[in-house]
């Protein structure tokens, strides 16, 4: 009998020693209760507890957790919006009160997740219900900010805090997507037409400005050319007059008829017409009456010029 008691004591002692040590993994906290009442928490590492009295109630992970959400909301203009989101949350800290909230607020993690997901879905649905379908896509950041503002206080009472909420996908019914695509396409066509019109207006404006400048330049050049031509004609006439005056003086000094000068100029002009006329036709009266009439006209011109010649001679 004595050996059996000894073996029993040894086994009890070994079992007592084995049950006295608790290993807590890094990234988790262990909650200890005594007869169902909270006693203390054990941090990561090797810990000691009283066997058969203290019991490990729950192991709580303090690492970040993520969950994917898929749900539907309805806008104020009765459009269905489908969300796909990723929720990232974690225990606030390792303080005793925080760990007690995490351990005892919910029966298990499944109930926590259900409450968390439904709370976030309800917050997003409430926000979307006051917005129009066309506004939802542009309010992604505002939706996340509104959810965090409403959810953070509730999560703190549970011992958690919301790290991030990402709305990965926001879609609508197929008919709405098609109508939105048509609106975008029509807006793009309108913008393209406006840009094309502006480009055409600029092109035509620049072309008109260039034409106007060209006309101004051409007019200025024509004015300058006309001025130069006039000056050339005036100089030519002046030189001709000087030459004729000098020739007339010399012929009068030699007692010759000055009408010869006019006749010589007339024949020289006919020669130049024929040589440089480039196909132009000149009709001349070659009859004797015509020649006599021409000579009379030249003599009349000579009589008009004679006073000037005699004046110069004096």
C-alpha atoms as a PDB file:
ATOM      1  CA  UNK A   1       0.000   0.000   0.000  1.00  0.00           C
ATOM      2  CA  UNK A   2       2.840   2.318   0.872  1.00  0.00           C
ATOM      3  CA  UNK A   3       4.422   2.146  -2.614  1.00  0.00           C
ATOM      4  CA  UNK A   4       1.057   3.009  -4.234  1.00  0.00           C
ATOM      5  CA  UNK A   5       0.701   6.101  -2.071  1.00  0.00           C
ATOM      6  CA  UNK A   6       4.226   7.097  -2.905  1.00  0.00           C
ATOM      7  CA  UNK A   7       3.610   6.717  -6.631  1.00  0.00           C
ATOM      8  CA  UNK A   8       0.377   8.689  -6.311  1.00  0.00           C
ATOM      9  CA  UNK A   9       2.179  11.510  -4.510  1.00  0.00           C
ATOM     10  CA  UNK A  10       4.933  11.575  -7.136  1.00  0.00           C
ATOM     11  CA  UNK A  11       2.419  11.636  -9.988  1.00  0.00           C
ATOM     12  CA  UNK A  12       0.436  14.396  -8.266  1.00  0.00           C
ATOM     13  CA  UNK A  13       3.559  16.412  -7.681  1.00  0.00           C
ATOM     14  CA  UNK A  14       4.696  16.045 -11.291  1.00  0.00           C
ATOM     15  CA  UNK A  15       1.213  16.935 -12.530  1.00  0.00           C
ATOM     16  CA  UNK A  16       1.134  19.921 -10.180  1.00  0.00           C
ATOM     17  CA  UNK A  17       4.451  21.137 -11.533  1.00  0.00           C
ATOM     18  CA  UNK A  18       3.360  20.690 -15.157  1.00  0.00           C
ATOM     19  CA  UNK A  19       0.052  22.478 -14.626  1.00  0.00           C
ATOM     20  CA  UNK A  20       1.761  25.344 -12.811  1.00  0.00           C
ATOM     21  CA  UNK A  21       3.518  26.700 -15.871  1.00  0.00           C
ATOM     22  CA  UNK A  22       1.756  28.502 -18.705  1.00  0.00           C
ATOM     23  CA  UNK A  23       3.452  29.574 -21.905  1.00  0.00           C
ATOM     24  CA  UNK A  24       2.007  32.684 -23.563  1.00  0.00           C
ATOM     25  CA  UNK A  25       2.924  33.221 -27.220  1.00  0.00           C
ATOM     26  CA  UNK A  26       4.284  36.543 -28.463  1.00  0.00           C
ATOM     27  CA  UNK A  27       1.482  38.769 -29.756  1.00  0.00           C
ATOM     28  CA  UNK A  28      -1.135  37.464 -27.353  1.00  0.00           C
ATOM     29  CA  UNK A  29      -2.371  37.945 -23.781  1.00  0.00           C
ATOM     30  CA  UNK A  30      -3.833  35.238 -21.525  1.00  0.00           C
ATOM     31  CA  UNK A  31      -6.713  35.956 -19.145  1.00  0.00           C
ATOM     32  CA  UNK A  32      -6.754  34.023 -15.844  1.00  0.00           C
ATOM     33  CA  UNK A  33      -9.902  33.469 -13.739  1.00  0.00           C
ATOM     34  CA  UNK A  34     -10.439  31.902 -10.327  1.00  0.00           C
ATOM     35  CA  UNK A  35     -13.672  29.970  -9.982  1.00  0.00           C
ATOM     36  CA  UNK A  36     -15.101  31.962 -12.913  1.00  0.00           C
ATOM     37  CA  UNK A  37     -14.006  35.395 -11.673  1.00  0.00           C
ATOM     38  CA  UNK A  38     -11.360  37.515 -13.349  1.00  0.00           C
ATOM     39  CA  UNK A  39      -8.034  37.315 -11.539  1.00  0.00           C
ATOM     40  CA  UNK A  40      -5.189  38.621 -13.692  1.00  0.00           C
ATOM     41  CA  UNK A  41      -3.515  38.590 -17.123  1.00  0.00           C
ATOM     42  CA  UNK A  42      -0.407  36.798 -18.266  1.00  0.00           C
ATOM     43  CA  UNK A  43       1.966  38.476 -20.700  1.00  0.00           C
ATOM     44  CA  UNK A  44       4.050  36.697 -23.394  1.00  0.00           C
ATOM     45  CA  UNK A  45       6.605  34.243 -22.055  1.00  0.00           C
ATOM     46  CA  UNK A  46       6.681  31.570 -19.331  1.00  0.00           C
ATOM     47  CA  UNK A  47       4.230  32.280 -16.488  1.00  0.00           C
ATOM     48  CA  UNK A  48       3.120  30.530 -13.290  1.00  0.00           C
ATOM     49  CA  UNK A  49      -0.427  29.840 -12.148  1.00  0.00           C
ATOM     50  CA  UNK A  50      -1.972  27.905  -9.312  1.00  0.00           C
ATOM     51  CA  UNK A  51      -3.120  24.537 -10.688  1.00  0.00           C
ATOM     52  CA  UNK A  52      -6.753  23.469 -10.208  1.00  0.00           C
ATOM     53  CA  UNK A  53      -7.598  26.949  -8.869  1.00  0.00           C
ATOM     54  CA  UNK A  54      -6.537  29.415 -11.515  1.00  0.00           C
ATOM     55  CA  UNK A  55      -7.777  28.639 -15.000  1.00  0.00           C
ATOM     56  CA  UNK A  56      -6.890  29.989 -18.433  1.00  0.00           C
ATOM     57  CA  UNK A  57     -10.142  31.645 -19.487  1.00  0.00           C
ATOM     58  CA  UNK A  58      -9.131  33.032 -22.858  1.00  0.00           C
ATOM     59  CA  UNK A  59      -6.112  33.760 -25.028  1.00  0.00           C
ATOM     60  CA  UNK A  60      -6.453  37.150 -26.742  1.00  0.00           C
ATOM     61  CA  UNK A  61      -4.439  38.134 -29.794  1.00  0.00           C
ATOM     62  CA  UNK A  62      -3.183  41.703 -29.779  1.00  0.00           C
ATOM     63  CA  UNK A  63      -2.046  41.506 -33.396  1.00  0.00           C
ATOM     64  CA  UNK A  64      -3.789  43.312 -36.241  1.00  0.00           C
ATOM     65  CA  UNK A  65      -6.813  41.540 -37.676  1.00  0.00           C
ATOM     66  CA  UNK A  66      -8.474  41.981 -41.050  1.00  0.00           C
ATOM     67  CA  UNK A  67     -11.815  40.995 -42.479  1.00  0.00           C
ATOM     68  CA  UNK A  68     -13.401  41.471 -45.898  1.00  0.00           C
ATOM     69  CA  UNK A  69     -16.926  42.865 -46.180  1.00  0.00           C
ATOM     70  CA  UNK A  70     -19.484  42.721 -48.983  1.00  0.00           C
ATOM     71  CA  UNK A  71     -22.798  44.499 -48.586  1.00  0.00           C
ATOM     72  CA  UNK A  72     -25.361  46.638 -50.366  1.00  0.00           C
ATOM     73  CA  UNK A  73     -26.676  50.157 -49.732  1.00  0.00           C
ATOM     74  CA  UNK A  74     -29.373  52.327 -51.328  1.00  0.00           C
ATOM     75  CA  UNK A  75     -28.907  55.992 -52.216  1.00  0.00           C
ATOM     76  CA  UNK A  76     -31.456  58.758 -51.758  1.00  0.00           C
ATOM     77  CA  UNK A  77     -32.447  58.431 -55.434  1.00  0.00           C
ATOM     78  CA  UNK A  78     -33.117  54.684 -54.969  1.00  0.00           C
ATOM     79  CA  UNK A  79     -29.969  53.358 -56.678  1.00  0.00           C
ATOM     80  CA  UNK A  80     -28.388  50.137 -55.419  1.00  0.00           C
ATOM     81  CA  UNK A  81     -24.704  50.476 -54.470  1.00  0.00           C
ATOM     82  CA  UNK A  82     -22.551  47.404 -53.856  1.00  0.00           C
ATOM     83  CA  UNK A  83     -19.503  47.715 -51.609  1.00  0.00           C
ATOM     84  CA  UNK A  84     -16.453  45.517 -51.162  1.00  0.00           C
ATOM     85  CA  UNK A  85     -14.356  46.643 -48.215  1.00  0.00           C
ATOM     86  CA  UNK A  86     -11.407  45.514 -46.129  1.00  0.00           C
ATOM     87  CA  UNK A  87     -11.516  46.199 -42.389  1.00  0.00           C
ATOM     88  CA  UNK A  88      -8.321  46.349 -40.324  1.00  0.00           C
ATOM     89  CA  UNK A  89      -8.625  46.518 -36.537  1.00  0.00           C
ATOM     90  CA  UNK A  90      -6.741  45.525 -33.376  1.00  0.00           C
ATOM     91  CA  UNK A  91      -6.819  45.633 -29.569  1.00  0.00           C
ATOM     92  CA  UNK A  92      -6.189  49.197 -28.366  1.00  0.00           C
ATOM     93  CA  UNK A  93      -3.382  48.353 -25.936  1.00  0.00           C
ATOM     94  CA  UNK A  94      -2.272  45.812 -23.317  1.00  0.00           C
ATOM     95  CA  UNK A  95      -3.733  47.588 -20.320  1.00  0.00           C
ATOM     96  CA  UNK A  96      -5.710  45.469 -17.876  1.00  0.00           C
ATOM     97  CA  UNK A  97      -9.016  47.306 -18.385  1.00  0.00           C
ATOM     98  CA  UNK A  98      -8.696  47.019 -22.152  1.00  0.00           C
ATOM     99  CA  UNK A  99      -8.002  43.297 -21.970  1.00  0.00           C
ATOM    100  CA  UNK A 100     -10.963  42.805 -19.610  1.00  0.00           C
ATOM    101  CA  UNK A 101     -13.269  44.526 -22.131  1.00  0.00           C
ATOM    102  CA  UNK A 102     -11.968  42.352 -24.942  1.00  0.00           C
ATOM    103  CA  UNK A 103     -12.339  39.179 -22.892  1.00  0.00           C
ATOM    104  CA  UNK A 104     -15.786  39.696 -21.377  1.00  0.00           C
ATOM    105  CA  UNK A 105     -17.782  42.014 -23.708  1.00  0.00           C
ATOM    106  CA  UNK A 106     -18.600  39.197 -26.148  1.00  0.00           C
ATOM    107  CA  UNK A 107     -19.089  35.497 -25.723  1.00  0.00           C
ATOM    108  CA  UNK A 108     -16.648  34.644 -28.498  1.00  0.00           C
ATOM    109  CA  UNK A 109     -14.924  36.112 -31.565  1.00  0.00           C
ATOM    110  CA  UNK A 110     -17.785  35.138 -33.860  1.00  0.00           C
ATOM    111  CA  UNK A 111     -20.216  37.385 -31.990  1.00  0.00           C
ATOM    112  CA  UNK A 112     -17.624  40.182 -31.956  1.00  0.00           C
ATOM    113  CA  UNK A 113     -17.153  39.940 -35.718  1.00  0.00           C
ATOM    114  CA  UNK A 114     -20.890  39.898 -36.328  1.00  0.00           C
ATOM    115  CA  UNK A 115     -21.416  43.038 -34.240  1.00  0.00           C
ATOM    116  CA  UNK A 116     -18.412  44.792 -35.797  1.00  0.00           C
ATOM    117  CA  UNK A 117     -19.407  44.034 -39.395  1.00  0.00           C
ATOM    118  CA  UNK A 118     -23.049  44.953 -38.891  1.00  0.00           C
ATOM    119  CA  UNK A 119     -22.125  48.204 -37.170  1.00  0.00           C
ATOM    120  CA  UNK A 120     -19.837  49.272 -40.020  1.00  0.00           C
ATOM    121  CA  UNK A 121     -22.367  48.259 -42.671  1.00  0.00           C
ATOM    122  CA  UNK A 122     -25.082  50.233 -40.892  1.00  0.00           C
ATOM    123  CA  UNK A 123     -22.862  53.310 -40.654  1.00  0.00           C
ATOM    124  CA  UNK A 124     -22.046  53.207 -44.381  1.00  0.00           C
ATOM    125  CA  UNK A 125     -25.692  52.597 -45.312  1.00  0.00           C
ATOM    126  CA  UNK A 126     -26.758  55.579 -43.217  1.00  0.00           C
ATOM    127  CA  UNK A 127     -24.202  57.807 -44.942  1.00  0.00           C
ATOM    128  CA  UNK A 128     -25.080  56.635 -48.457  1.00  0.00           C
ATOM    129  CA  UNK A 129     -28.822  56.974 -47.819  1.00  0.00           C
ATOM    130  CA  UNK A 130     -28.409  60.779 -47.783  1.00  0.00           C
ATOM    131  CA  UNK A 131     -26.378  60.948 -50.997  1.00  0.00           C
ATOM    132  CA  UNK A 132     -27.234  60.692 -54.671  1.00  0.00           C
ATOM    133  CA  UNK A 133     -25.950  57.899 -56.868  1.00  0.00           C
ATOM    134  CA  UNK A 134     -23.729  60.279 -58.868  1.00  0.00           C
ATOM    135  CA  UNK A 135     -22.013  61.496 -55.663  1.00  0.00           C
ATOM    136  CA  UNK A 136     -21.059  58.163 -54.126  1.00  0.00           C
ATOM    137  CA  UNK A 137     -17.973  57.455 -56.248  1.00  0.00           C
ATOM    138  CA  UNK A 138     -16.448  60.829 -55.422  1.00  0.00           C
ATOM    139  CA  UNK A 139     -17.131  60.484 -51.667  1.00  0.00           C
ATOM    140  CA  UNK A 140     -14.972  57.449 -50.959  1.00  0.00           C
ATOM    141  CA  UNK A 141     -12.737  59.349 -48.523  1.00  0.00           C
ATOM    142  CA  UNK A 142     -15.689  61.034 -46.811  1.00  0.00           C
ATOM    143  CA  UNK A 143     -17.390  57.658 -46.295  1.00  0.00           C
ATOM    144  CA  UNK A 144     -14.305  56.218 -44.592  1.00  0.00           C
ATOM    145  CA  UNK A 145     -13.859  59.312 -42.404  1.00  0.00           C
ATOM    146  CA  UNK A 146     -17.522  59.251 -41.347  1.00  0.00           C
ATOM    147  CA  UNK A 147     -17.365  55.549 -40.447  1.00  0.00           C
ATOM    148  CA  UNK A 148     -14.200  55.996 -38.379  1.00  0.00           C
ATOM    149  CA  UNK A 149     -15.696  58.930 -36.525  1.00  0.00           C
ATOM    150  CA  UNK A 150     -18.826  56.989 -35.592  1.00  0.00           C
ATOM    151  CA  UNK A 151     -17.272  53.564 -34.991  1.00  0.00           C
ATOM    152  CA  UNK A 152     -14.146  54.443 -33.016  1.00  0.00           C
ATOM    153  CA  UNK A 153     -16.033  55.397 -29.855  1.00  0.00           C
ATOM    154  CA  UNK A 154     -18.075  52.197 -29.939  1.00  0.00           C
ATOM    155  CA  UNK A 155     -15.015  50.046 -30.583  1.00  0.00           C
ATOM    156  CA  UNK A 156     -13.172  51.632 -27.670  1.00  0.00           C
ATOM    157  CA  UNK A 157     -15.832  50.354 -25.280  1.00  0.00           C
ATOM    158  CA  UNK A 158     -15.145  46.881 -26.682  1.00  0.00           C
ATOM    159  CA  UNK A 159     -11.378  47.265 -26.276  1.00  0.00           C
ATOM    160  CA  UNK A 160     -10.631  47.642 -29.993  1.00  0.00           C
ATOM    161  CA  UNK A 161      -9.838  50.476 -32.392  1.00  0.00           C
ATOM    162  CA  UNK A 162     -10.295  50.773 -36.141  1.00  0.00           C
ATOM    163  CA  UNK A 163      -6.922  50.999 -37.898  1.00  0.00           C
ATOM    164  CA  UNK A 164      -8.125  51.286 -41.479  1.00  0.00           C
ATOM    165  CA  UNK A 165     -11.164  50.831 -43.659  1.00  0.00           C
ATOM    166  CA  UNK A 166     -10.571  50.469 -47.384  1.00  0.00           C
ATOM    167  CA  UNK A 167     -13.438  50.586 -49.872  1.00  0.00           C
ATOM    168  CA  UNK A 168     -11.856  48.436 -52.554  1.00  0.00           C
ATOM    169  CA  UNK A 169     -14.803  48.369 -54.933  1.00  0.00           C
ATOM    170  CA  UNK A 170     -17.983  50.405 -55.387  1.00  0.00           C
ATOM    171  CA  UNK A 171     -20.333  49.224 -58.118  1.00  0.00           C
ATOM    172  CA  UNK A 172     -23.907  49.780 -59.256  1.00  0.00           C
ATOM    173  CA  UNK A 173     -26.536  47.855 -61.167  1.00  0.00           C
ATOM    174  CA  UNK A 174     -25.650  47.103 -64.784  1.00  0.00           C
ATOM    175  CA  UNK A 175     -28.226  49.577 -66.150  1.00  0.00           C
ATOM    176  CA  UNK A 176     -26.801  52.372 -64.005  1.00  0.00           C
ATOM    177  CA  UNK A 177     -23.239  51.548 -65.075  1.00  0.00           C
ATOM    178  CA  UNK A 178     -24.260  51.711 -68.744  1.00  0.00           C
ATOM    179  CA  UNK A 179     -26.026  55.049 -68.261  1.00  0.00           C
ATOM    180  CA  UNK A 180     -23.011  56.437 -66.392  1.00  0.00           C
ATOM    181  CA  UNK A 181     -20.742  55.304 -69.237  1.00  0.00           C
ATOM    182  CA  UNK A 182     -22.971  57.081 -71.744  1.00  0.00           C
ATOM    183  CA  UNK A 183     -22.880  60.269 -69.664  1.00  0.00           C
ATOM    184  CA  UNK A 184     -19.084  60.127 -69.439  1.00  0.00           C
ATOM    185  CA  UNK A 185     -18.798  59.438 -73.184  1.00  0.00           C
ATOM    186  CA  UNK A 186     -21.103  62.344 -74.046  1.00  0.00           C
ATOM    187  CA  UNK A 187     -19.187  64.672 -71.722  1.00  0.00           C
ATOM    188  CA  UNK A 188     -15.921  63.607 -73.357  1.00  0.00           C
ATOM    189  CA  UNK A 189     -17.366  64.238 -76.823  1.00  0.00           C
ATOM    190  CA  UNK A 190     -18.619  67.634 -75.686  1.00  0.00           C
ATOM    191  CA  UNK A 191     -15.213  68.538 -74.257  1.00  0.00           C
ATOM    192  CA  UNK A 192     -13.499  67.324 -77.436  1.00  0.00           C
ATOM    193  CA  UNK A 193     -15.855  69.401 -79.596  1.00  0.00           C
ATOM    194  CA  UNK A 194     -15.247  72.471 -77.444  1.00  0.00           C
ATOM    195  CA  UNK A 195     -11.479  71.968 -77.647  1.00  0.00           C
ATOM    196  CA  UNK A 196     -11.666  71.458 -81.394  1.00  0.00           C
ATOM    197  CA  UNK A 197     -13.769  74.600 -81.776  1.00  0.00           C
ATOM    198  CA  UNK A 198     -11.326  76.596 -79.686  1.00  0.00           C
ATOM    199  CA  UNK A 199      -8.401  75.268 -81.749  1.00  0.00           C
ATOM    200  CA  UNK A 200     -10.199  76.126 -85.006  1.00  0.00           C
ATOM    201  CA  UNK A 201     -11.029  79.602 -83.709  1.00  0.00           C
ATOM    202  CA  UNK A 202      -7.413  80.187 -82.730  1.00  0.00           C
ATOM    203  CA  UNK A 203      -6.198  78.890 -86.116  1.00  0.00           C
ATOM    204  CA  UNK A 204      -8.569  81.124 -88.065  1.00  0.00           C
ATOM    205  CA  UNK A 205      -7.802  84.105 -85.843  1.00  0.00           C
ATOM    206  CA  UNK A 206      -4.073  83.661 -86.360  1.00  0.00           C
ATOM    207  CA  UNK A 207      -4.588  83.170 -90.100  1.00  0.00           C
ATOM    208  CA  UNK A 208      -6.684  86.342 -90.275  1.00  0.00           C
ATOM    209  CA  UNK A 209      -4.042  88.236 -88.330  1.00  0.00           C
ATOM    210  CA  UNK A 210      -1.367  86.903 -90.687  1.00  0.00           C
ATOM    211  CA  UNK A 211      -3.430  87.893 -93.750  1.00  0.00           C
ATOM    212  CA  UNK A 212      -4.012  91.351 -92.307  1.00  0.00           C
ATOM    213  CA  UNK A 213      -0.324  91.796 -91.591  1.00  0.00           C
ATOM    214  CA  UNK A 214       0.516  90.578 -95.108  1.00  0.00           C
ATOM    215  CA  UNK A 215      -1.947  93.071 -96.627  1.00  0.00           C
ATOM    216  CA  UNK A 216      -0.455  95.857 -94.522  1.00  0.00           C
ATOM    217  CA  UNK A 217       3.064  94.909 -95.575  1.00  0.00           C
ATOM    218  CA  UNK A 218       2.051  94.620 -99.226  1.00  0.00           C
ATOM    219  CA  UNK A 219       0.243  97.977 -99.092  1.00  0.00           C
ATOM    220  CA  UNK A 220       3.220  99.623 -97.453  1.00  0.00           C
ATOM    221  CA  UNK A 221       5.547  98.096-100.050  1.00  0.00           C
ATOM    222  CA  UNK A 222       3.252  99.211-102.880  1.00  0.00           C
ATOM    223  CA  UNK A 223       3.099 102.713-101.425  1.00  0.00           C
ATOM    224  CA  UNK A 224       6.873 102.856-101.170  1.00  0.00           C
ATOM    225  CA  UNK A 225       7.263 101.429-104.685  1.00  0.00           C
ATOM    226  CA  UNK A 226       4.800 103.961-106.098  1.00  0.00           C
ATOM    227  CA  UNK A 227       6.668 106.723-104.338  1.00  0.00           C
ATOM    228  CA  UNK A 228       9.951 105.519-105.752  1.00  0.00           C
ATOM    229  CA  UNK A 229       8.438 105.131-109.221  1.00  0.00           C
ATOM    230  CA  UNK A 230       7.092 108.675-109.014  1.00  0.00           C
ATOM    231  CA  UNK A 231      10.466 109.954-107.929  1.00  0.00           C
ATOM    232  CA  UNK A 232      12.097 108.045-110.807  1.00  0.00           C
ATOM    233  CA  UNK A 233       9.646 109.460-113.343  1.00  0.00           C
ATOM    234  CA  UNK A 234      10.197 112.950-111.953  1.00  0.00           C
ATOM    235  CA  UNK A 235      13.961 112.523-112.185  1.00  0.00           C
ATOM    236  CA  UNK A 236      13.594 111.108-115.695  1.00  0.00           C
ATOM    237  CA  UNK A 237      11.486 114.067-116.783  1.00  0.00           C
ATOM    238  CA  UNK A 238      13.890 116.458-115.150  1.00  0.00           C
ATOM    239  CA  UNK A 239      16.829 114.917-116.956  1.00  0.00           C
ATOM    240  CA  UNK A 240      14.935 114.864-120.248  1.00  0.00           C
ATOM    241  CA  UNK A 241      14.050 118.513-119.819  1.00  0.00           C
ATOM    242  CA  UNK A 242      17.649 119.383-119.045  1.00  0.00           C
ATOM    243  CA  UNK A 243      18.864 117.431-122.067  1.00  0.00           C
ATOM    244  CA  UNK A 244      16.308 118.982-124.385  1.00  0.00           C
ATOM    245  CA  UNK A 245      17.108 122.481-123.108  1.00  0.00           C
ATOM    246  CA  UNK A 246      20.808 121.962-123.631  1.00  0.00           C
ATOM    247  CA  UNK A 247      20.260 120.500-127.099  1.00  0.00           C
ATOM    248  CA  UNK A 248      17.936 123.352-128.054  1.00  0.00           C
ATOM    249  CA  UNK A 249      20.465 125.916-126.927  1.00  0.00           C
ATOM    250  CA  UNK A 250      23.199 124.306-128.956  1.00  0.00           C
ATOM    251  CA  UNK A 251      20.989 124.110-132.063  1.00  0.00           C
ATOM    252  CA  UNK A 252      19.936 127.771-131.728  1.00  0.00           C
ATOM    253  CA  UNK A 253      23.558 128.768-131.415  1.00  0.00           C
ATOM    254  CA  UNK A 254      24.214 126.842-134.636  1.00  0.00           C
ATOM    255  CA  UNK A 255      21.161 128.526-136.283  1.00  0.00           C
ATOM    256  CA  UNK A 256      19.409 125.121-136.657  1.00  0.00           C
ATOM    257  CA  UNK A 257      15.707 124.410-136.328  1.00  0.00           C
ATOM    258  CA  UNK A 258      14.930 123.030-132.883  1.00  0.00           C
ATOM    259  CA  UNK A 259      11.993 121.042-134.278  1.00  0.00           C
ATOM    260  CA  UNK A 260      14.521 118.416-135.274  1.00  0.00           C
ATOM    261  CA  UNK A 261      14.884 117.517-131.595  1.00  0.00           C
ATOM    262  CA  UNK A 262      11.197 116.748-131.257  1.00  0.00           C
ATOM    263  CA  UNK A 263      11.189 114.793-134.479  1.00  0.00           C
ATOM    264  CA  UNK A 264      14.208 112.791-133.342  1.00  0.00           C
ATOM    265  CA  UNK A 265      12.539 112.005-129.992  1.00  0.00           C
ATOM    266  CA  UNK A 266       9.359 110.964-131.762  1.00  0.00           C
ATOM    267  CA  UNK A 267      11.188 108.546-134.096  1.00  0.00           C
ATOM    268  CA  UNK A 268      13.241 107.201-131.147  1.00  0.00           C
ATOM    269  CA  UNK A 269      10.055 106.521-129.197  1.00  0.00           C
ATOM    270  CA  UNK A 270       8.583 104.611-132.179  1.00  0.00           C
ATOM    271  CA  UNK A 271      11.758 102.564-132.372  1.00  0.00           C
ATOM    272  CA  UNK A 272      11.577 101.658-128.658  1.00  0.00           C
ATOM    273  CA  UNK A 273       7.903 100.733-129.002  1.00  0.00           C
ATOM    274  CA  UNK A 274       8.753  98.330-131.778  1.00  0.00           C
ATOM    275  CA  UNK A 275      11.809  96.885-130.015  1.00  0.00           C
ATOM    276  CA  UNK A 276      10.489  96.430-126.496  1.00  0.00           C
ATOM    277  CA  UNK A 277       6.756  96.279-127.061  1.00  0.00           C
ATOM    278  CA  UNK A 278       6.517  92.474-126.482  1.00  0.00           C
ATOM    279  CA  UNK A 279       3.763  91.960-128.985  1.00  0.00           C
ATOM    280  CA  UNK A 280       1.797  95.150-128.336  1.00  0.00           C
ATOM    281  CA  UNK A 281       0.271  96.727-131.470  1.00  0.00           C
ATOM    282  CA  UNK A 282       0.744 100.474-132.138  1.00  0.00           C
ATOM    283  CA  UNK A 283      -1.308 102.109-134.859  1.00  0.00           C
ATOM    284  CA  UNK A 284       0.432 105.078-136.607  1.00  0.00           C
ATOM    285  CA  UNK A 285      -0.955 107.226-139.354  1.00  0.00           C
ATOM    286  CA  UNK A 286       1.648 106.814-142.128  1.00  0.00           C
ATOM    287  CA  UNK A 287      -0.141 108.979-144.700  1.00  0.00           C
ATOM    288  CA  UNK A 288       1.325 112.268-145.889  1.00  0.00           C
ATOM    289  CA  UNK A 289      -1.512 114.132-144.212  1.00  0.00           C
ATOM    290  CA  UNK A 290      -0.742 112.332-140.972  1.00  0.00           C
ATOM    291  CA  UNK A 291       2.947 113.166-141.212  1.00  0.00           C
ATOM    292  CA  UNK A 292       2.169 116.812-141.925  1.00  0.00           C
ATOM    293  CA  UNK A 293      -0.192 116.944-138.957  1.00  0.00           C
ATOM    294  CA  UNK A 294       2.464 115.392-136.738  1.00  0.00           C
ATOM    295  CA  UNK A 295       5.084 117.895-137.879  1.00  0.00           C
ATOM    296  CA  UNK A 296       2.718 120.781-137.253  1.00  0.00           C
ATOM    297  CA  UNK A 297       2.079 119.543-133.722  1.00  0.00           C
ATOM    298  CA  UNK A 298       5.825 119.288-133.106  1.00  0.00           C
ATOM    299  CA  UNK A 299       6.389 122.823-134.431  1.00  0.00           C
ATOM    300  CA  UNK A 300       3.620 124.070-132.161  1.00  0.00           C
ATOM    301  CA  UNK A 301       5.371 122.411-129.205  1.00  0.00           C
ATOM    302  CA  UNK A 302       8.628 123.999-130.366  1.00  0.00           C
ATOM    303  CA  UNK A 303       6.973 127.423-130.388  1.00  0.00           C
ATOM    304  CA  UNK A 304       5.801 126.816-126.815  1.00  0.00           C
ATOM    305  CA  UNK A 305       9.308 125.850-125.732  1.00  0.00           C
ATOM    306  CA  UNK A 306      11.072 128.697-127.611  1.00  0.00           C
ATOM    307  CA  UNK A 307      10.407 131.423-124.989  1.00  0.00           C
ATOM    308  CA  UNK A 308      12.038 129.267-122.319  1.00  0.00           C
ATOM    309  CA  UNK A 309      15.040 128.652-124.580  1.00  0.00           C
ATOM    310  CA  UNK A 310      15.345 132.376-125.451  1.00  0.00           C
ATOM    311  CA  UNK A 311      14.996 133.243-121.748  1.00  0.00           C
ATOM    312  CA  UNK A 312      17.834 130.917-120.909  1.00  0.00           C
ATOM    313  CA  UNK A 313      19.891 132.395-123.795  1.00  0.00           C
ATOM    314  CA  UNK A 314      19.497 135.924-122.493  1.00  0.00           C
END
